[in-house]
Amino acid sequence: MDETDVRSLYRYIRSLGPAGAAAPQLVAPGEKVMTPFIVLEPPQMPPPCSRDLDCGIGEICGTAEPRMCVKR
């Protein structure tokens, strides 16, 4: 980095102010977590279909893999 980049970085870090609270300690698997947290899980995909009867009204079983119900 050149001198102006180093100065800009220094000024930015100084502008953040004093250090905040320390990060929580590591929690081993199976131990209870004492701080607030959010569980992020991906949405569940609907089960694949194998025939048109597996789908709802106005839908048919698509041909692309994985086979999913699609609108007519």
PDB file of N, CA and C in Angstrom:
ATOM      1  N   MET A   1       0.847  -1.182   0.000  1.00  0.00           N
ATOM      2  CA  MET A   1       0.000   0.000   0.000  1.00  0.00           C
ATOM      3  C   MET A   1       0.889   1.241   0.000  1.00  0.00           C
ATOM      4  N   ASP A   2       0.402   2.254  -0.629  1.00  0.00           N
ATOM      5  CA  ASP A   2       1.182   3.493  -0.591  1.00  0.00           C
ATOM      6  C   ASP A   2       0.818   4.286   0.667  1.00  0.00           C
ATOM      7  N   GLU A   3       1.524   5.357   0.892  1.00  0.00           N
ATOM      8  CA  GLU A   3       1.393   6.158   2.121  1.00  0.00           C
ATOM      9  C   GLU A   3      -0.027   6.690   2.330  1.00  0.00           C
ATOM     10  N   THR A   4      -0.703   7.140   1.266  1.00  0.00           N
ATOM     11  CA  THR A   4      -2.058   7.692   1.421  1.00  0.00           C
ATOM     12  C   THR A   4      -3.057   6.610   1.830  1.00  0.00           C
ATOM     13  N   ASP A   5      -2.885   5.384   1.316  1.00  0.00           N
ATOM     14  CA  ASP A   5      -3.764   4.281   1.720  1.00  0.00           C
ATOM     15  C   ASP A   5      -3.575   3.947   3.194  1.00  0.00           C
ATOM     16  N   VAL A   6      -2.338   3.906   3.641  1.00  0.00           N
ATOM     17  CA  VAL A   6      -2.047   3.599   5.042  1.00  0.00           C
ATOM     18  C   VAL A   6      -2.654   4.671   5.942  1.00  0.00           C
ATOM     19  N   ARG A   7      -2.519   5.932   5.569  1.00  0.00           N
ATOM     20  CA  ARG A   7      -3.080   7.020   6.371  1.00  0.00           C
ATOM     21  C   ARG A   7      -4.613   6.935   6.412  1.00  0.00           C
ATOM     22  N   SER A   8      -5.209   6.648   5.267  1.00  0.00           N
ATOM     23  CA  SER A   8      -6.668   6.527   5.218  1.00  0.00           C
ATOM     24  C   SER A   8      -7.156   5.383   6.096  1.00  0.00           C
ATOM     25  N   LEU A   9      -6.470   4.249   6.045  1.00  0.00           N
ATOM     26  CA  LEU A   9      -6.831   3.110   6.869  1.00  0.00           C
ATOM     27  C   LEU A   9      -6.695   3.449   8.355  1.00  0.00           C
ATOM     28  N   TYR A  10      -5.614   4.101   8.729  1.00  0.00           N
ATOM     29  CA  TYR A  10      -5.391   4.518  10.111  1.00  0.00           C
ATOM     30  C   TYR A  10      -6.513   5.452  10.584  1.00  0.00           C
ATOM     31  N   ARG A  11      -6.858   6.432   9.764  1.00  0.00           N
ATOM     32  CA  ARG A  11      -7.913   7.378  10.137  1.00  0.00           C
ATOM     33  C   ARG A  11      -9.262   6.666  10.285  1.00  0.00           C
ATOM     34  N   TYR A  12      -9.528   5.723   9.396  1.00  0.00           N
ATOM     35  CA  TYR A  12     -10.793   4.986   9.487  1.00  0.00           C
ATOM     36  C   TYR A  12     -10.855   4.197  10.793  1.00  0.00           C
ATOM     37  N   ILE A  13      -9.795   3.476  11.105  1.00  0.00           N
ATOM     38  CA  ILE A  13      -9.788   2.669  12.330  1.00  0.00           C
ATOM     39  C   ILE A  13      -9.935   3.561  13.559  1.00  0.00           C
ATOM     40  N   ARG A  14      -9.277   4.696  13.574  1.00  0.00           N
ATOM     41  CA  ARG A  14      -9.393   5.632  14.697  1.00  0.00           C
ATOM     42  C   ARG A  14     -10.810   6.195  14.804  1.00  0.00           C
ATOM     43  N   SER A  15     -11.492   6.362  13.665  1.00  0.00           N
ATOM     44  CA  SER A  15     -12.850   6.921  13.690  1.00  0.00           C
ATOM     45  C   SER A  15     -13.873   5.958  14.287  1.00  0.00           C
ATOM     46  N   LEU A  16     -13.512   4.685  14.398  1.00  0.00           N
ATOM     47  CA  LEU A  16     -14.431   3.694  14.966  1.00  0.00           C
ATOM     48  C   LEU A  16     -14.625   3.866  16.461  1.00  0.00           C
ATOM     49  N   GLY A  17     -13.716   4.561  17.101  1.00  0.00           N
ATOM     50  CA  GLY A  17     -13.845   4.819  18.536  1.00  0.00           C
ATOM     51  C   GLY A  17     -13.191   3.748  19.370  1.00  0.00           C
ATOM     52  N   PRO A  18     -13.438   3.796  20.689  1.00  0.00           N
ATOM     53  CA  PRO A  18     -12.799   2.824  21.575  1.00  0.00           C
ATOM     54  C   PRO A  18     -13.334   1.414  21.332  1.00  0.00           C
ATOM     55  N   ALA A  19     -12.549   0.447  21.749  1.00  0.00           N
ATOM     56  CA  ALA A  19     -12.931  -0.958  21.566  1.00  0.00           C
ATOM     57  C   ALA A  19     -14.199  -1.268  22.338  1.00  0.00           C
ATOM     58  N   GLY A  20     -15.023  -2.120  21.790  1.00  0.00           N
ATOM     59  CA  GLY A  20     -16.265  -2.525  22.442  1.00  0.00           C
ATOM     60  C   GLY A  20     -16.044  -3.717  23.356  1.00  0.00           C
ATOM     61  N   ALA A  21     -17.117  -4.386  23.695  1.00  0.00           N
ATOM     62  CA  ALA A  21     -17.045  -5.555  24.566  1.00  0.00           C
ATOM     63  C   ALA A  21     -16.376  -6.710  23.823  1.00  0.00           C
ATOM     64  N   ALA A  22     -15.741  -7.564  24.580  1.00  0.00           N
ATOM     65  CA  ALA A  22     -15.079  -8.734  24.001  1.00  0.00           C
ATOM     66  C   ALA A  22     -16.118  -9.692  23.432  1.00  0.00           C
ATOM     67  N   ALA A  23     -15.722 -10.450  22.440  1.00  0.00           N
ATOM     68  CA  ALA A  23     -16.612 -11.453  21.848  1.00  0.00           C
ATOM     69  C   ALA A  23     -16.880 -12.553  22.871  1.00  0.00           C
ATOM     70  N   PRO A  24     -18.057 -13.195  22.810  1.00  0.00           N
ATOM     71  CA  PRO A  24     -18.348 -14.283  23.753  1.00  0.00           C
ATOM     72  C   PRO A  24     -17.361 -15.431  23.587  1.00  0.00           C
ATOM     73  N   GLN A  25     -17.150 -16.172  24.662  1.00  0.00           N
ATOM     74  CA  GLN A  25     -16.254 -17.312  24.632  1.00  0.00           C
ATOM     75  C   GLN A  25     -16.843 -18.431  23.776  1.00  0.00           C
ATOM     76  N   LEU A  26     -15.979 -19.273  23.252  1.00  0.00           N
ATOM     77  CA  LEU A  26     -16.383 -20.415  22.441  1.00  0.00           C
ATOM     78  C   LEU A  26     -17.222 -21.374  23.287  1.00  0.00           C
ATOM     79  N   VAL A  27     -18.302 -21.886  22.711  1.00  0.00           N
ATOM     80  CA  VAL A  27     -19.148 -22.859  23.397  1.00  0.00           C
ATOM     81  C   VAL A  27     -18.912 -24.221  22.759  1.00  0.00           C
ATOM     82  N   ALA A  28     -18.554 -25.200  23.569  1.00  0.00           N
ATOM     83  CA  ALA A  28     -18.295 -26.549  23.072  1.00  0.00           C
ATOM     84  C   ALA A  28     -19.598 -27.208  22.621  1.00  0.00           C
ATOM     85  N   PRO A  29     -19.531 -28.156  21.691  1.00  0.00           N
ATOM     86  CA  PRO A  29     -20.736 -28.857  21.258  1.00  0.00           C
ATOM     87  C   PRO A  29     -21.447 -29.509  22.437  1.00  0.00           C
ATOM     88  N   GLY A  30     -22.749 -29.353  22.483  1.00  0.00           N
ATOM     89  CA  GLY A  30     -23.547 -29.943  23.541  1.00  0.00           C
ATOM     90  C   GLY A  30     -23.753 -29.045  24.751  1.00  0.00           C
ATOM     91  N   GLU A  31     -22.973 -27.969  24.888  1.00  0.00           N
ATOM     92  CA  GLU A  31     -23.146 -27.047  26.006  1.00  0.00           C
ATOM     93  C   GLU A  31     -24.237 -26.031  25.688  1.00  0.00           C
ATOM     94  N   LYS A  32     -24.832 -25.456  26.720  1.00  0.00           N
ATOM     95  CA  LYS A  32     -25.897 -24.482  26.542  1.00  0.00           C
ATOM     96  C   LYS A  32     -25.317 -23.115  26.194  1.00  0.00           C
ATOM     97  N   VAL A  33     -25.894 -22.482  25.180  1.00  0.00           N
ATOM     98  CA  VAL A  33     -25.462 -21.147  24.759  1.00  0.00           C
ATOM     99  C   VAL A  33     -26.177 -20.123  25.627  1.00  0.00           C
ATOM    100  N   MET A  34     -25.432 -19.175  26.188  1.00  0.00           N
ATOM    101  CA  MET A  34     -26.002 -18.208  27.114  1.00  0.00           C
ATOM    102  C   MET A  34     -26.302 -16.854  26.465  1.00  0.00           C
ATOM    103  N   THR A  35     -25.880 -16.643  25.232  1.00  0.00           N
ATOM    104  CA  THR A  35     -26.115 -15.374  24.544  1.00  0.00           C
ATOM    105  C   THR A  35     -27.211 -15.547  23.502  1.00  0.00           C
ATOM    106  N   PRO A  36     -27.879 -14.457  23.087  1.00  0.00           N
ATOM    107  CA  PRO A  36     -28.906 -14.576  22.057  1.00  0.00           C
ATOM    108  C   PRO A  36     -28.286 -15.050  20.737  1.00  0.00           C
ATOM    109  N   PHE A  37     -29.044 -15.835  19.977  1.00  0.00           N
ATOM    110  CA  PHE A  37     -28.563 -16.312  18.692  1.00  0.00           C
ATOM    111  C   PHE A  37     -29.745 -16.570  17.764  1.00  0.00           C
ATOM    112  N   ILE A  38     -29.447 -16.679  16.487  1.00  0.00           N
ATOM    113  CA  ILE A  38     -30.454 -16.967  15.457  1.00  0.00           C
ATOM    114  C   ILE A  38     -30.039 -18.241  14.745  1.00  0.00           C
ATOM    115  N   VAL A  39     -30.977 -19.164  14.561  1.00  0.00           N
ATOM    116  CA  VAL A  39     -30.699 -20.388  13.824  1.00  0.00           C
ATOM    117  C   VAL A  39     -31.073 -20.150  12.364  1.00  0.00           C
ATOM    118  N   LEU A  40     -30.105 -20.294  11.472  1.00  0.00           N
ATOM    119  CA  LEU A  40     -30.339 -20.104  10.049  1.00  0.00           C
ATOM    120  C   LEU A  40     -30.369 -21.468   9.367  1.00  0.00           C
ATOM    121  N   GLU A  41     -31.550 -21.886   8.937  1.00  0.00           N
ATOM    122  CA  GLU A  41     -31.693 -23.159   8.245  1.00  0.00           C
ATOM    123  C   GLU A  41     -32.296 -22.899   6.876  1.00  0.00           C
ATOM    124  N   PRO A  42     -31.806 -23.583   5.848  1.00  0.00           N
ATOM    125  CA  PRO A  42     -32.394 -23.383   4.525  1.00  0.00           C
ATOM    126  C   PRO A  42     -33.813 -23.941   4.491  1.00  0.00           C
ATOM    127  N   PRO A  43     -34.679 -23.380   3.641  1.00  0.00           N
ATOM    128  CA  PRO A  43     -36.044 -23.905   3.548  1.00  0.00           C
ATOM    129  C   PRO A  43     -36.035 -25.327   3.010  1.00  0.00           C
ATOM    130  N   GLN A  44     -37.001 -26.091   3.415  1.00  0.00           N
ATOM    131  CA  GLN A  44     -37.112 -27.478   2.968  1.00  0.00           C
ATOM    132  C   GLN A  44     -37.747 -27.531   1.590  1.00  0.00           C
ATOM    133  N   MET A  45     -37.136 -28.264   0.698  1.00  0.00           N
ATOM    134  CA  MET A  45     -37.683 -28.429  -0.642  1.00  0.00           C
ATOM    135  C   MET A  45     -38.836 -29.434  -0.577  1.00  0.00           C
ATOM    136  N   PRO A  46     -39.885 -29.241  -1.400  1.00  0.00           N
ATOM    137  CA  PRO A  46     -40.962 -30.224  -1.426  1.00  0.00           C
ATOM    138  C   PRO A  46     -40.441 -31.550  -1.988  1.00  0.00           C
ATOM    139  N   PRO A  47     -41.062 -32.657  -1.620  1.00  0.00           N
ATOM    140  CA  PRO A  47     -40.579 -33.944  -2.120  1.00  0.00           C
ATOM    141  C   PRO A  47     -40.762 -34.036  -3.637  1.00  0.00           C
ATOM    142  N   PRO A  48     -39.866 -34.745  -4.324  1.00  0.00           N
ATOM    143  CA  PRO A  48     -40.009 -34.878  -5.773  1.00  0.00           C
ATOM    144  C   PRO A  48     -41.249 -35.707  -6.113  1.00  0.00           C
ATOM    145  N   CYS A  49     -41.778 -35.482  -7.303  1.00  0.00           N
ATOM    146  CA  CYS A  49     -42.946 -36.248  -7.745  1.00  0.00           C
ATOM    147  C   CYS A  49     -42.499 -37.314  -8.737  1.00  0.00           C
ATOM    148  N   SER A  50     -43.314 -38.343  -8.887  1.00  0.00           N
ATOM    149  CA  SER A  50     -43.008 -39.374  -9.872  1.00  0.00           C
ATOM    150  C   SER A  50     -44.131 -39.510 -10.892  1.00  0.00           C
ATOM    151  N   ARG A  51     -45.297 -38.911 -10.574  1.00  0.00           N
ATOM    152  CA  ARG A  51     -46.449 -38.978 -11.495  1.00  0.00           C
ATOM    153  C   ARG A  51     -47.330 -37.771 -11.238  1.00  0.00           C
ATOM    154  N   ASP A  52     -48.245 -37.486 -12.145  1.00  0.00           N
ATOM    155  CA  ASP A  52     -49.112 -36.314 -12.036  1.00  0.00           C
ATOM    156  C   ASP A  52     -50.007 -36.374 -10.801  1.00  0.00           C
ATOM    157  N   LEU A  53     -50.371 -37.563 -10.347  1.00  0.00           N
ATOM    158  CA  LEU A  53     -51.251 -37.694  -9.181  1.00  0.00           C
ATOM    159  C   LEU A  53     -50.568 -37.242  -7.887  1.00  0.00           C
ATOM    160  N   ASP A  54     -49.240 -37.149  -7.891  1.00  0.00           N
ATOM    161  CA  ASP A  54     -48.510 -36.673  -6.706  1.00  0.00           C
ATOM    162  C   ASP A  54     -48.646 -35.164  -6.534  1.00  0.00           C
ATOM    163  N   CYS A  55     -49.109 -34.462  -7.567  1.00  0.00           N
ATOM    164  CA  CYS A  55     -49.173 -33.003  -7.562  1.00  0.00           C
ATOM    165  C   CYS A  55     -50.573 -32.520  -7.217  1.00  0.00           C
ATOM    166  N   GLY A  56     -50.659 -31.215  -6.943  1.00  0.00           N
ATOM    167  CA  GLY A  56     -51.940 -30.617  -6.598  1.00  0.00           C
ATOM    168  C   GLY A  56     -52.767 -30.295  -7.840  1.00  0.00           C
ATOM    169  N   ILE A  57     -53.923 -29.694  -7.598  1.00  0.00           N
ATOM    170  CA  ILE A  57     -54.829 -29.313  -8.675  1.00  0.00           C
ATOM    171  C   ILE A  57     -54.164 -28.247  -9.541  1.00  0.00           C
ATOM    172  N   GLY A  58     -54.220 -28.413 -10.857  1.00  0.00           N
ATOM    173  CA  GLY A  58     -53.632 -27.463 -11.781  1.00  0.00           C
ATOM    174  C   GLY A  58     -52.135 -27.626 -11.957  1.00  0.00           C
ATOM    175  N   GLU A  59     -51.569 -28.718 -11.450  1.00  0.00           N
ATOM    176  CA  GLU A  59     -50.146 -28.972 -11.579  1.00  0.00           C
ATOM    177  C   GLU A  59     -49.913 -30.328 -12.220  1.00  0.00           C
ATOM    178  N   ILE A  60     -48.768 -30.460 -12.866  1.00  0.00           N
ATOM    179  CA  ILE A  60     -48.344 -31.746 -13.411  1.00  0.00           C
ATOM    180  C   ILE A  60     -46.918 -32.003 -12.962  1.00  0.00           C
ATOM    181  N   CYS A  61     -46.496 -33.243 -13.035  1.00  0.00           N
ATOM    182  CA  CYS A  61     -45.136 -33.603 -12.650  1.00  0.00           C
ATOM    183  C   CYS A  61     -44.197 -33.234 -13.790  1.00  0.00           C
ATOM    184  N   GLY A  62     -43.228 -32.362 -13.515  1.00  0.00           N
ATOM    185  CA  GLY A  62     -42.292 -31.911 -14.537  1.00  0.00           C
ATOM    186  C   GLY A  62     -41.353 -33.018 -14.984  1.00  0.00           C
ATOM    187  N   THR A  63     -40.643 -32.779 -16.070  1.00  0.00           N
ATOM    188  CA  THR A  63     -39.737 -33.790 -16.611  1.00  0.00           C
ATOM    189  C   THR A  63     -38.281 -33.534 -16.242  1.00  0.00           C
ATOM    190  N   ALA A  64     -37.937 -32.309 -15.827  1.00  0.00           N
ATOM    191  CA  ALA A  64     -36.552 -31.996 -15.467  1.00  0.00           C
ATOM    192  C   ALA A  64     -36.221 -32.585 -14.103  1.00  0.00           C
ATOM    193  N   GLU A  65     -34.987 -33.039 -13.942  1.00  0.00           N
ATOM    194  CA  GLU A  65     -34.530 -33.587 -12.662  1.00  0.00           C
ATOM    195  C   GLU A  65     -34.058 -32.470 -11.755  1.00  0.00           C
ATOM    196  N   PRO A  66     -34.315 -32.458 -10.479  1.00  0.00           N
ATOM    197  CA  PRO A  66     -35.245 -33.364  -9.822  1.00  0.00           C
ATOM    198  C   PRO A  66     -36.673 -33.047 -10.217  1.00  0.00           C
ATOM    199  N   ARG A  67     -37.476 -34.074 -10.348  1.00  0.00           N
ATOM    200  CA  ARG A  67     -38.837 -33.897 -10.829  1.00  0.00           C
ATOM    201  C   ARG A  67     -39.672 -33.192  -9.768  1.00  0.00           C
ATOM    202  N   MET A  68     -40.222 -32.026 -10.122  1.00  0.00           N
ATOM    203  CA  MET A  68     -41.018 -31.229  -9.214  1.00  0.00           C
ATOM    204  C   MET A  68     -42.338 -30.899  -9.877  1.00  0.00           C
ATOM    205  N   CYS A  69     -43.375 -30.642  -9.068  1.00  0.00           N
ATOM    206  CA  CYS A  69     -44.685 -30.249  -9.591  1.00  0.00           C
ATOM    207  C   CYS A  69     -44.596 -28.853 -10.185  1.00  0.00           C
ATOM    208  N   VAL A  70     -45.164 -28.676 -11.385  1.00  0.00           N
ATOM    209  CA  VAL A  70     -45.161 -27.383 -12.064  1.00  0.00           C
ATOM    210  C   VAL A  70     -46.590 -27.047 -12.488  1.00  0.00           C
ATOM    211  N   LYS A  71     -46.872 -25.765 -12.648  1.00  0.00           N
ATOM    212  CA  LYS A  71     -48.195 -25.338 -13.107  1.00  0.00           C
ATOM    213  C   LYS A  71     -48.401 -25.799 -14.539  1.00  0.00           C
ATOM    214  N   ARG A  72     -49.652 -26.129 -14.903  1.00  0.00           N
ATOM    215  CA  ARG A  72     -49.951 -26.530 -16.289  1.00  0.00           C
ATOM    216  C   ARG A  72     -49.769 -25.399 -17.230  1.00  0.00           C
TER     217      ARG A  72
END
